[in-house]
Amino acid sequence: MDAGVVATVRRFSRTVTQRFGALNEHYLGGARPLGEARLLWEIGDGRDLRTLRATLGLDSGYLSRLLRSLEADGLVTVQADAADRRVRVARLTTAGKRERRALDRRSDGVAEAVLAPLSPRQRERLVAAMAEVSQLLRVGMVEVEAVDPGHPDVLPCFQAYFADLAVLFEDGFSPDAVLQPAIEVVLLARLGEATVGCVALYEPEPGVWELKRMWVDSSARGLGLGRRLLAEAEALARQRGASAMRLDTNRSLTGAIALYRSAGFEEVPPFNAEPHAHHWFHKAL
């Protein structure tokens, strides 16, 4: 990778950590460092430890040490969830909620201090740039995994996909009316603990793989996830010996149609009797 690009990223990281006081022992002038302060804020109304680990990107040992410190200060309790004793949930005490509110106020103050010296136009540019940086950083945090169709995260994805189609299709959508292929593998896209996208694959005939049920959650749109799922699906199909890939789609899904065409899929005559399909595509791999 270009050394100048790497240097720019490192310089940006140093500037941000310095400007927002991330290196200070007492973050934002409070009583604790950034790690504890961020965890306190993230617990909010109560979070299970697995979600906290995934959201903050912390290993179990470090998270446990942070929680013990907050517990010792009387700010947090960690108990088994009433509905599932295997799940441990962190909750703020009254003192913890009070400190979190103070942290919120100090955070607002720092943000206002960053913006105060800038002109209105500079503020607009900075906030827009921050939004874009945040979006691009999230792109790199998405992980894609191939799972069996029986994986517990698959059905909720398909249900969300069906719900979206019911809104988008001109004549509505009923999953009972569509063809039910024998799906062989599903690619799940995850952002932290949240499943934010999926695509299913099966082999209707030797050497030809068909793509079904590609879905991206509204929270992850704009990250290029549809294109990434499509590319990952093609790569997986190649690994499994496919020489071609095909798919069908509805005319209401104009964004998906544009994606398929830009990815090299060519429109072909109908190859199935899918009731909601208006376009059929094929691509040699």
C-alpha atoms as a PDB file:
ATOM      1  CA  MET A   1       0.000   0.000   0.000  1.00  0.00           C
ATOM      2  CA  ASP A   2       1.175   3.539  -0.773  1.00  0.00           C
ATOM      3  CA  ALA A   3       3.323   4.857   2.091  1.00  0.00           C
ATOM      4  CA  GLY A   4       1.866   8.349   1.750  1.00  0.00           C
ATOM      5  CA  VAL A   5      -1.662   7.033   2.160  1.00  0.00           C
ATOM      6  CA  VAL A   6      -0.674   5.054   5.252  1.00  0.00           C
ATOM      7  CA  ALA A   7       1.045   8.125   6.718  1.00  0.00           C
ATOM      8  CA  THR A   8      -2.088  10.225   6.162  1.00  0.00           C
ATOM      9  CA  VAL A   9      -4.254   7.688   7.998  1.00  0.00           C
ATOM     10  CA  ARG A  10      -1.819   7.577  10.919  1.00  0.00           C
ATOM     11  CA  ARG A  11      -1.641  11.371  11.086  1.00  0.00           C
ATOM     12  CA  PHE A  12      -5.442  11.577  11.103  1.00  0.00           C
ATOM     13  CA  SER A  13      -5.581   9.066  13.967  1.00  0.00           C
ATOM     14  CA  ARG A  14      -3.080  11.083  16.016  1.00  0.00           C
ATOM     15  CA  THR A  15      -4.969  14.318  15.405  1.00  0.00           C
ATOM     16  CA  VAL A  16      -8.295  12.835  16.483  1.00  0.00           C
ATOM     17  CA  THR A  17      -6.964  11.182  19.642  1.00  0.00           C
ATOM     18  CA  GLN A  18      -5.251  14.423  20.669  1.00  0.00           C
ATOM     19  CA  ARG A  19      -8.154  16.751  19.831  1.00  0.00           C
ATOM     20  CA  PHE A  20     -10.706  14.665  21.710  1.00  0.00           C
ATOM     21  CA  GLY A  21      -8.497  13.903  24.705  1.00  0.00           C
ATOM     22  CA  ALA A  22      -8.485  10.141  24.208  1.00  0.00           C
ATOM     23  CA  LEU A  23      -5.013   9.821  25.758  1.00  0.00           C
ATOM     24  CA  ASN A  24      -5.855  11.666  28.963  1.00  0.00           C
ATOM     25  CA  GLU A  25      -5.991   9.615  32.151  1.00  0.00           C
ATOM     26  CA  HIS A  26      -9.220  11.393  33.057  1.00  0.00           C
ATOM     27  CA  TYR A  27     -11.234  11.387  29.828  1.00  0.00           C
ATOM     28  CA  LEU A  28     -13.252  14.592  29.256  1.00  0.00           C
ATOM     29  CA  GLY A  29     -12.196  15.807  32.692  1.00  0.00           C
ATOM     30  CA  GLY A  30     -14.057  12.978  34.408  1.00  0.00           C
ATOM     31  CA  ALA A  31     -12.880  10.448  36.949  1.00  0.00           C
ATOM     32  CA  ARG A  32     -11.874   7.661  34.585  1.00  0.00           C
ATOM     33  CA  PRO A  33     -10.007   6.844  31.348  1.00  0.00           C
ATOM     34  CA  LEU A  34     -11.612   6.502  27.911  1.00  0.00           C
ATOM     35  CA  GLY A  35     -12.153   2.724  28.087  1.00  0.00           C
ATOM     36  CA  GLU A  36     -14.238   2.876  31.262  1.00  0.00           C
ATOM     37  CA  ALA A  37     -16.078   6.007  30.147  1.00  0.00           C
ATOM     38  CA  ARG A  38     -17.020   4.499  26.800  1.00  0.00           C
ATOM     39  CA  LEU A  39     -18.190   1.269  28.432  1.00  0.00           C
ATOM     40  CA  LEU A  40     -20.310   3.236  30.897  1.00  0.00           C
ATOM     41  CA  TRP A  41     -21.953   5.092  28.023  1.00  0.00           C
ATOM     42  CA  GLU A  42     -22.458   1.911  25.969  1.00  0.00           C
ATOM     43  CA  ILE A  43     -24.190   0.014  28.785  1.00  0.00           C
ATOM     44  CA  GLY A  44     -26.977   2.589  28.754  1.00  0.00           C
ATOM     45  CA  ASP A  45     -30.241   0.931  29.775  1.00  0.00           C
ATOM     46  CA  GLY A  46     -28.548  -2.468  30.081  1.00  0.00           C
ATOM     47  CA  ARG A  47     -26.575  -4.628  27.643  1.00  0.00           C
ATOM     48  CA  ASP A  48     -25.523  -8.259  27.685  1.00  0.00           C
ATOM     49  CA  LEU A  49     -21.783  -8.853  27.807  1.00  0.00           C
ATOM     50  CA  ARG A  50     -21.622 -10.584  24.443  1.00  0.00           C
ATOM     51  CA  THR A  51     -23.144  -7.549  22.734  1.00  0.00           C
ATOM     52  CA  LEU A  52     -20.813  -5.203  24.607  1.00  0.00           C
ATOM     53  CA  ARG A  53     -17.765  -7.215  23.503  1.00  0.00           C
ATOM     54  CA  ALA A  54     -18.860  -7.152  19.876  1.00  0.00           C
ATOM     55  CA  THR A  55     -19.890  -3.491  19.862  1.00  0.00           C
ATOM     56  CA  LEU A  56     -16.662  -2.270  21.428  1.00  0.00           C
ATOM     57  CA  GLY A  57     -14.360  -4.866  19.851  1.00  0.00           C
ATOM     58  CA  LEU A  58     -12.970  -5.960  23.217  1.00  0.00           C
ATOM     59  CA  ASP A  59     -11.721  -9.361  24.315  1.00  0.00           C
ATOM     60  CA  SER A  60     -13.446 -11.027  27.253  1.00  0.00           C
ATOM     61  CA  GLY A  61     -10.581 -10.493  29.683  1.00  0.00           C
ATOM     62  CA  TYR A  62     -10.271  -6.754  29.116  1.00  0.00           C
ATOM     63  CA  LEU A  63     -14.040  -6.238  29.249  1.00  0.00           C
ATOM     64  CA  SER A  64     -14.166  -8.126  32.552  1.00  0.00           C
ATOM     65  CA  ARG A  65     -11.447  -5.901  34.029  1.00  0.00           C
ATOM     66  CA  LEU A  66     -13.285  -2.748  32.956  1.00  0.00           C
ATOM     67  CA  LEU A  67     -16.548  -4.022  34.425  1.00  0.00           C
ATOM     68  CA  ARG A  68     -14.887  -4.975  37.716  1.00  0.00           C
ATOM     69  CA  SER A  69     -13.488  -1.452  38.007  1.00  0.00           C
ATOM     70  CA  LEU A  70     -16.918   0.091  37.394  1.00  0.00           C
ATOM     71  CA  GLU A  71     -18.532  -2.374  39.815  1.00  0.00           C
ATOM     72  CA  ALA A  72     -15.969  -1.484  42.493  1.00  0.00           C
ATOM     73  CA  ASP A  73     -16.942   2.173  42.100  1.00  0.00           C
ATOM     74  CA  GLY A  74     -20.612   1.302  42.530  1.00  0.00           C
ATOM     75  CA  LEU A  75     -21.572   2.304  38.989  1.00  0.00           C
ATOM     76  CA  VAL A  76     -22.457  -1.055  37.435  1.00  0.00           C
ATOM     77  CA  THR A  77     -23.964  -4.414  38.363  1.00  0.00           C
ATOM     78  CA  VAL A  78     -23.504  -7.613  36.352  1.00  0.00           C
ATOM     79  CA  GLN A  79     -26.150 -10.298  36.803  1.00  0.00           C
ATOM     80  CA  ALA A  80     -27.608 -13.281  34.977  1.00  0.00           C
ATOM     81  CA  ASP A  81     -30.498 -12.444  32.666  1.00  0.00           C
ATOM     82  CA  ALA A  82     -33.879 -13.450  34.090  1.00  0.00           C
ATOM     83  CA  ALA A  83     -34.973 -15.007  30.788  1.00  0.00           C
ATOM     84  CA  ASP A  84     -31.734 -16.918  30.155  1.00  0.00           C
ATOM     85  CA  ARG A  85     -29.410 -17.593  33.077  1.00  0.00           C
ATOM     86  CA  ARG A  86     -26.529 -18.273  30.683  1.00  0.00           C
ATOM     87  CA  VAL A  87     -26.544 -14.630  29.579  1.00  0.00           C
ATOM     88  CA  ARG A  88     -24.903 -12.017  31.810  1.00  0.00           C
ATOM     89  CA  VAL A  89     -26.219  -8.469  31.632  1.00  0.00           C
ATOM     90  CA  ALA A  90     -24.533  -5.252  32.759  1.00  0.00           C
ATOM     91  CA  ARG A  91     -26.754  -2.496  34.151  1.00  0.00           C
ATOM     92  CA  LEU A  92     -26.042   0.947  35.541  1.00  0.00           C
ATOM     93  CA  THR A  93     -26.752   1.728  39.167  1.00  0.00           C
ATOM     94  CA  THR A  94     -28.289   5.055  40.171  1.00  0.00           C
ATOM     95  CA  ALA A  95     -24.766   6.443  40.588  1.00  0.00           C
ATOM     96  CA  GLY A  96     -23.804   4.995  37.208  1.00  0.00           C
ATOM     97  CA  LYS A  97     -26.728   6.686  35.488  1.00  0.00           C
ATOM     98  CA  ARG A  98     -25.782   9.963  37.135  1.00  0.00           C
ATOM     99  CA  GLU A  99     -22.178   9.702  35.932  1.00  0.00           C
ATOM    100  CA  ARG A 100     -23.346   8.726  32.440  1.00  0.00           C
ATOM    101  CA  ARG A 101     -25.482  11.883  32.242  1.00  0.00           C
ATOM    102  CA  ALA A 102     -22.477  13.950  33.295  1.00  0.00           C
ATOM    103  CA  LEU A 103     -20.364  12.192  30.652  1.00  0.00           C
ATOM    104  CA  ASP A 104     -23.009  13.012  28.056  1.00  0.00           C
ATOM    105  CA  ARG A 105     -22.889  16.703  28.974  1.00  0.00           C
ATOM    106  CA  ARG A 106     -19.083  16.799  28.838  1.00  0.00           C
ATOM    107  CA  SER A 107     -19.109  15.021  25.473  1.00  0.00           C
ATOM    108  CA  ASP A 108     -21.472  17.647  24.082  1.00  0.00           C
ATOM    109  CA  GLY A 109     -19.161  20.323  25.430  1.00  0.00           C
ATOM    110  CA  VAL A 110     -16.117  18.859  23.667  1.00  0.00           C
ATOM    111  CA  ALA A 111     -18.023  18.596  20.381  1.00  0.00           C
ATOM    112  CA  GLU A 112     -19.135  22.210  20.692  1.00  0.00           C
ATOM    113  CA  ALA A 113     -15.552  23.277  21.466  1.00  0.00           C
ATOM    114  CA  VAL A 114     -14.326  21.562  18.301  1.00  0.00           C
ATOM    115  CA  LEU A 115     -16.922  23.362  16.194  1.00  0.00           C
ATOM    116  CA  ALA A 116     -16.796  26.780  17.893  1.00  0.00           C
ATOM    117  CA  PRO A 117     -13.643  28.188  16.181  1.00  0.00           C
ATOM    118  CA  LEU A 118     -14.907  27.248  12.714  1.00  0.00           C
ATOM    119  CA  SER A 119     -17.014  29.266  10.320  1.00  0.00           C
ATOM    120  CA  PRO A 120     -20.481  27.924   9.417  1.00  0.00           C
ATOM    121  CA  ARG A 121     -19.109  26.654   6.102  1.00  0.00           C
ATOM    122  CA  GLN A 122     -16.167  24.950   7.833  1.00  0.00           C
ATOM    123  CA  ARG A 123     -18.540  23.299  10.302  1.00  0.00           C
ATOM    124  CA  GLU A 124     -20.614  21.922   7.445  1.00  0.00           C
ATOM    125  CA  ARG A 125     -17.493  20.562   5.759  1.00  0.00           C
ATOM    126  CA  LEU A 126     -16.177  18.989   8.968  1.00  0.00           C
ATOM    127  CA  VAL A 127     -19.474  17.330   9.904  1.00  0.00           C
ATOM    128  CA  ALA A 128     -19.955  16.021   6.352  1.00  0.00           C
ATOM    129  CA  ALA A 129     -16.389  14.676   6.322  1.00  0.00           C
ATOM    130  CA  MET A 130     -16.921  13.024   9.715  1.00  0.00           C
ATOM    131  CA  ALA A 131     -20.074  11.330   8.447  1.00  0.00           C
ATOM    132  CA  GLU A 132     -18.216  10.004   5.415  1.00  0.00           C
ATOM    133  CA  VAL A 133     -15.248   8.808   7.469  1.00  0.00           C
ATOM    134  CA  SER A 134     -17.594   7.032   9.872  1.00  0.00           C
ATOM    135  CA  GLN A 135     -19.394   5.380   6.968  1.00  0.00           C
ATOM    136  CA  LEU A 136     -16.172   4.212   5.331  1.00  0.00           C
ATOM    137  CA  LEU A 137     -14.769   2.870   8.589  1.00  0.00           C
ATOM    138  CA  ARG A 138     -17.947   0.821   9.053  1.00  0.00           C
ATOM    139  CA  VAL A 139     -17.369  -0.747   5.631  1.00  0.00           C
ATOM    140  CA  GLY A 140     -14.158  -2.301   6.908  1.00  0.00           C
ATOM    141  CA  MET A 141     -15.897  -3.616  10.026  1.00  0.00           C
ATOM    142  CA  VAL A 142     -18.369  -5.800   8.115  1.00  0.00           C
ATOM    143  CA  GLU A 143     -17.548  -9.519   8.161  1.00  0.00           C
ATOM    144  CA  VAL A 144     -19.056 -12.047   5.728  1.00  0.00           C
ATOM    145  CA  GLU A 145     -19.402 -15.714   6.698  1.00  0.00           C
ATOM    146  CA  ALA A 146     -20.704 -18.741   4.802  1.00  0.00           C
ATOM    147  CA  VAL A 147     -23.152 -20.741   6.931  1.00  0.00           C
ATOM    148  CA  ASP A 148     -25.519 -23.672   6.622  1.00  0.00           C
ATOM    149  CA  PRO A 149     -29.143 -22.739   5.768  1.00  0.00           C
ATOM    150  CA  GLY A 150     -30.155 -24.053   9.195  1.00  0.00           C
ATOM    151  CA  HIS A 151     -28.036 -21.484  11.042  1.00  0.00           C
ATOM    152  CA  PRO A 152     -30.212 -19.574  13.555  1.00  0.00           C
ATOM    153  CA  ASP A 153     -29.373 -16.189  12.004  1.00  0.00           C
ATOM    154  CA  VAL A 154     -30.600 -17.183   8.539  1.00  0.00           C
ATOM    155  CA  LEU A 155     -34.363 -17.252   9.128  1.00  0.00           C
ATOM    156  CA  PRO A 156     -34.520 -13.716  10.621  1.00  0.00           C
ATOM    157  CA  CYS A 157     -32.620 -12.469   7.553  1.00  0.00           C
ATOM    158  CA  PHE A 158     -35.056 -14.133   5.174  1.00  0.00           C
ATOM    159  CA  GLN A 159     -38.006 -12.778   7.150  1.00  0.00           C
ATOM    160  CA  ALA A 160     -36.595  -9.247   6.945  1.00  0.00           C
ATOM    161  CA  TYR A 161     -36.034  -9.752   3.216  1.00  0.00           C
ATOM    162  CA  PHE A 162     -39.643 -10.869   2.718  1.00  0.00           C
ATOM    163  CA  ALA A 163     -40.908  -7.898   4.747  1.00  0.00           C
ATOM    164  CA  ASP A 164     -38.935  -5.477   2.557  1.00  0.00           C
ATOM    165  CA  LEU A 165     -40.296  -7.051  -0.631  1.00  0.00           C
ATOM    166  CA  ALA A 166     -43.866  -6.766   0.638  1.00  0.00           C
ATOM    167  CA  VAL A 167     -43.355  -2.997   0.754  1.00  0.00           C
ATOM    168  CA  LEU A 168     -41.320  -2.605  -2.444  1.00  0.00           C
ATOM    169  CA  PHE A 169     -43.224  -4.811  -4.881  1.00  0.00           C
ATOM    170  CA  GLU A 170     -46.058  -3.154  -6.788  1.00  0.00           C
ATOM    171  CA  ASP A 171     -48.441  -6.038  -6.100  1.00  0.00           C
ATOM    172  CA  GLY A 172     -47.131  -6.956  -2.665  1.00  0.00           C
ATOM    173  CA  PHE A 173     -45.274 -10.133  -1.832  1.00  0.00           C
ATOM    174  CA  SER A 174     -46.167 -13.461  -0.256  1.00  0.00           C
ATOM    175  CA  PRO A 175     -43.349 -15.916   0.509  1.00  0.00           C
ATOM    176  CA  ASP A 176     -45.845 -18.767   0.159  1.00  0.00           C
ATOM    177  CA  ALA A 177     -46.246 -17.985  -3.546  1.00  0.00           C
ATOM    178  CA  VAL A 178     -42.583 -18.078  -4.551  1.00  0.00           C
ATOM    179  CA  LEU A 179     -40.464 -21.033  -5.563  1.00  0.00           C
ATOM    180  CA  GLN A 180     -38.705 -22.703  -2.632  1.00  0.00           C
ATOM    181  CA  PRO A 181     -35.260 -23.838  -3.831  1.00  0.00           C
ATOM    182  CA  ALA A 182     -33.115 -26.270  -1.877  1.00  0.00           C
ATOM    183  CA  ILE A 183     -30.660 -23.654  -0.640  1.00  0.00           C
ATOM    184  CA  GLU A 184     -27.184 -25.062  -0.043  1.00  0.00           C
ATOM    185  CA  VAL A 185     -25.294 -22.191   1.568  1.00  0.00           C
ATOM    186  CA  VAL A 186     -26.018 -18.700   2.878  1.00  0.00           C
ATOM    187  CA  LEU A 187     -23.584 -15.810   3.172  1.00  0.00           C
ATOM    188  CA  LEU A 188     -24.271 -13.685   6.246  1.00  0.00           C
ATOM    189  CA  ALA A 189     -22.870 -10.165   6.610  1.00  0.00           C
ATOM    190  CA  ARG A 190     -22.333  -9.015  10.175  1.00  0.00           C
ATOM    191  CA  LEU A 191     -21.527  -5.644  11.682  1.00  0.00           C
ATOM    192  CA  GLY A 192     -20.631  -6.376  15.279  1.00  0.00           C
ATOM    193  CA  GLU A 193     -23.355  -8.653  16.642  1.00  0.00           C
ATOM    194  CA  ALA A 194     -25.947  -7.470  14.113  1.00  0.00           C
ATOM    195  CA  THR A 195     -26.639  -9.442  10.949  1.00  0.00           C
ATOM    196  CA  VAL A 196     -26.991  -6.738   8.298  1.00  0.00           C
ATOM    197  CA  GLY A 197     -27.145  -8.690   5.057  1.00  0.00           C
ATOM    198  CA  CYS A 198     -27.417 -12.084   3.427  1.00  0.00           C
ATOM    199  CA  VAL A 199     -27.512 -13.929   0.131  1.00  0.00           C
ATOM    200  CA  ALA A 200     -28.464 -17.552  -0.527  1.00  0.00           C
ATOM    201  CA  LEU A 201     -27.007 -19.918  -3.117  1.00  0.00           C
ATOM    202  CA  TYR A 202     -27.922 -23.274  -4.579  1.00  0.00           C
ATOM    203  CA  GLU A 203     -27.003 -25.365  -7.627  1.00  0.00           C
ATOM    204  CA  PRO A 204     -30.084 -25.952  -9.829  1.00  0.00           C
ATOM    205  CA  GLU A 205     -28.010 -27.760 -12.446  1.00  0.00           C
ATOM    206  CA  PRO A 206     -24.401 -28.983 -12.592  1.00  0.00           C
ATOM    207  CA  GLY A 207     -21.945 -26.103 -12.830  1.00  0.00           C
ATOM    208  CA  VAL A 208     -24.607 -23.380 -12.546  1.00  0.00           C
ATOM    209  CA  TRP A 209     -25.256 -21.665  -9.237  1.00  0.00           C
ATOM    210  CA  GLU A 210     -28.283 -19.498  -8.609  1.00  0.00           C
ATOM    211  CA  LEU A 211     -28.385 -16.504  -6.312  1.00  0.00           C
ATOM    212  CA  LYS A 212     -31.494 -15.939  -4.182  1.00  0.00           C
ATOM    213  CA  ARG A 213     -32.711 -13.662  -1.394  1.00  0.00           C
ATOM    214  CA  MET A 214     -30.013 -11.018  -1.390  1.00  0.00           C
ATOM    215  CA  TRP A 215     -30.886  -8.581   1.373  1.00  0.00           C
ATOM    216  CA  VAL A 216     -29.154  -5.605   2.998  1.00  0.00           C
ATOM    217  CA  ASP A 217     -30.558  -4.048   6.154  1.00  0.00           C
ATOM    218  CA  SER A 218     -31.448  -0.366   5.980  1.00  0.00           C
ATOM    219  CA  SER A 219     -28.838   0.365   8.682  1.00  0.00           C
ATOM    220  CA  ALA A 220     -26.067  -0.886   6.377  1.00  0.00           C
ATOM    221  CA  ARG A 221     -27.135   0.628   3.073  1.00  0.00           C
ATOM    222  CA  GLY A 222     -24.587   2.915   1.503  1.00  0.00           C
ATOM    223  CA  LEU A 223     -21.697   0.683   2.596  1.00  0.00           C
ATOM    224  CA  GLY A 224     -21.412  -1.129  -0.731  1.00  0.00           C
ATOM    225  CA  LEU A 225     -22.554  -4.298   0.986  1.00  0.00           C
ATOM    226  CA  GLY A 226     -24.747  -5.498  -1.884  1.00  0.00           C
ATOM    227  CA  ARG A 227     -21.781  -5.426  -4.253  1.00  0.00           C
ATOM    228  CA  ARG A 228     -19.574  -7.157  -1.700  1.00  0.00           C
ATOM    229  CA  LEU A 229     -22.129  -9.921  -1.097  1.00  0.00           C
ATOM    230  CA  LEU A 230     -22.435 -10.422  -4.838  1.00  0.00           C
ATOM    231  CA  ALA A 231     -18.647 -10.660  -5.241  1.00  0.00           C
ATOM    232  CA  GLU A 232     -18.346 -13.053  -2.291  1.00  0.00           C
ATOM    233  CA  ALA A 233     -21.139 -15.203  -3.745  1.00  0.00           C
ATOM    234  CA  GLU A 234     -19.342 -15.396  -7.093  1.00  0.00           C
ATOM    235  CA  ALA A 235     -16.068 -16.316  -5.387  1.00  0.00           C
ATOM    236  CA  LEU A 236     -17.749 -19.051  -3.355  1.00  0.00           C
ATOM    237  CA  ALA A 237     -19.490 -20.455  -6.429  1.00  0.00           C
ATOM    238  CA  ARG A 238     -16.150 -20.593  -8.277  1.00  0.00           C
ATOM    239  CA  GLN A 239     -14.537 -22.397  -5.344  1.00  0.00           C
ATOM    240  CA  ARG A 240     -17.288 -25.008  -5.553  1.00  0.00           C
ATOM    241  CA  GLY A 241     -16.776 -25.585  -9.251  1.00  0.00           C
ATOM    242  CA  ALA A 242     -19.360 -23.286 -10.812  1.00  0.00           C
ATOM    243  CA  SER A 243     -18.854 -22.083 -14.376  1.00  0.00           C
ATOM    244  CA  ALA A 244     -21.837 -19.723 -14.349  1.00  0.00           C
ATOM    245  CA  MET A 245     -24.169 -17.873 -12.033  1.00  0.00           C
ATOM    246  CA  ARG A 246     -27.733 -16.784 -12.601  1.00  0.00           C
ATOM    247  CA  LEU A 247     -30.510 -14.933 -10.791  1.00  0.00           C
ATOM    248  CA  ASP A 248     -33.934 -13.422 -11.261  1.00  0.00           C
ATOM    249  CA  THR A 249     -35.371 -10.203  -9.877  1.00  0.00           C
ATOM    250  CA  ASN A 250     -38.407  -7.955  -9.799  1.00  0.00           C
ATOM    251  CA  ARG A 251     -38.734  -4.774 -11.860  1.00  0.00           C
ATOM    252  CA  SER A 252     -39.302  -2.755  -8.664  1.00  0.00           C
ATOM    253  CA  LEU A 253     -35.744  -3.463  -7.489  1.00  0.00           C
ATOM    254  CA  THR A 254     -34.075  -0.947  -9.768  1.00  0.00           C
ATOM    255  CA  GLY A 255     -30.986  -0.606  -7.588  1.00  0.00           C
ATOM    256  CA  ALA A 256     -30.412  -4.358  -7.634  1.00  0.00           C
ATOM    257  CA  ILE A 257     -30.907  -4.494 -11.408  1.00  0.00           C
ATOM    258  CA  ALA A 258     -28.296  -1.755 -11.867  1.00  0.00           C
ATOM    259  CA  LEU A 259     -25.917  -3.626  -9.553  1.00  0.00           C
ATOM    260  CA  TYR A 260     -26.229  -6.879 -11.485  1.00  0.00           C
ATOM    261  CA  ARG A 261     -25.652  -5.184 -14.827  1.00  0.00           C
ATOM    262  CA  SER A 262     -22.618  -3.290 -13.556  1.00  0.00           C
ATOM    263  CA  ALA A 263     -21.204  -6.564 -12.185  1.00  0.00           C
ATOM    264  CA  GLY A 264     -21.272  -8.184 -15.616  1.00  0.00           C
ATOM    265  CA  PHE A 265     -24.580 -10.044 -15.533  1.00  0.00           C
ATOM    266  CA  GLU A 266     -26.418 -10.177 -18.854  1.00  0.00           C
ATOM    267  CA  GLU A 267     -30.181 -10.342 -19.239  1.00  0.00           C
ATOM    268  CA  VAL A 268     -31.435 -13.657 -20.628  1.00  0.00           C
ATOM    269  CA  PRO A 269     -34.817 -15.283 -21.370  1.00  0.00           C
ATOM    270  CA  PRO A 270     -36.735 -16.641 -18.354  1.00  0.00           C
ATOM    271  CA  PHE A 271     -35.250 -19.823 -16.907  1.00  0.00           C
ATOM    272  CA  ASN A 272     -37.865 -20.406 -14.185  1.00  0.00           C
ATOM    273  CA  ALA A 273     -41.503 -19.706 -13.363  1.00  0.00           C
ATOM    274  CA  GLU A 274     -40.861 -17.399 -10.407  1.00  0.00           C
ATOM    275  CA  PRO A 275     -44.151 -15.460 -10.083  1.00  0.00           C
ATOM    276  CA  HIS A 276     -42.570 -12.175  -8.985  1.00  0.00           C
ATOM    277  CA  ALA A 277     -39.702 -12.173 -11.518  1.00  0.00           C
ATOM    278  CA  HIS A 278     -39.538  -9.751 -14.454  1.00  0.00           C
ATOM    279  CA  HIS A 279     -35.813  -9.938 -15.249  1.00  0.00           C
ATOM    280  CA  TRP A 280     -33.492 -12.936 -15.503  1.00  0.00           C
ATOM    281  CA  PHE A 281     -29.696 -12.609 -15.518  1.00  0.00           C
ATOM    282  CA  HIS A 282     -26.737 -14.883 -16.279  1.00  0.00           C
ATOM    283  CA  LYS A 283     -22.969 -14.493 -15.881  1.00  0.00           C
ATOM    284  CA  ALA A 284     -20.143 -16.774 -16.953  1.00  0.00           C
ATOM    285  CA  LEU A 285     -17.619 -17.201 -14.154  1.00  0.00           C
END
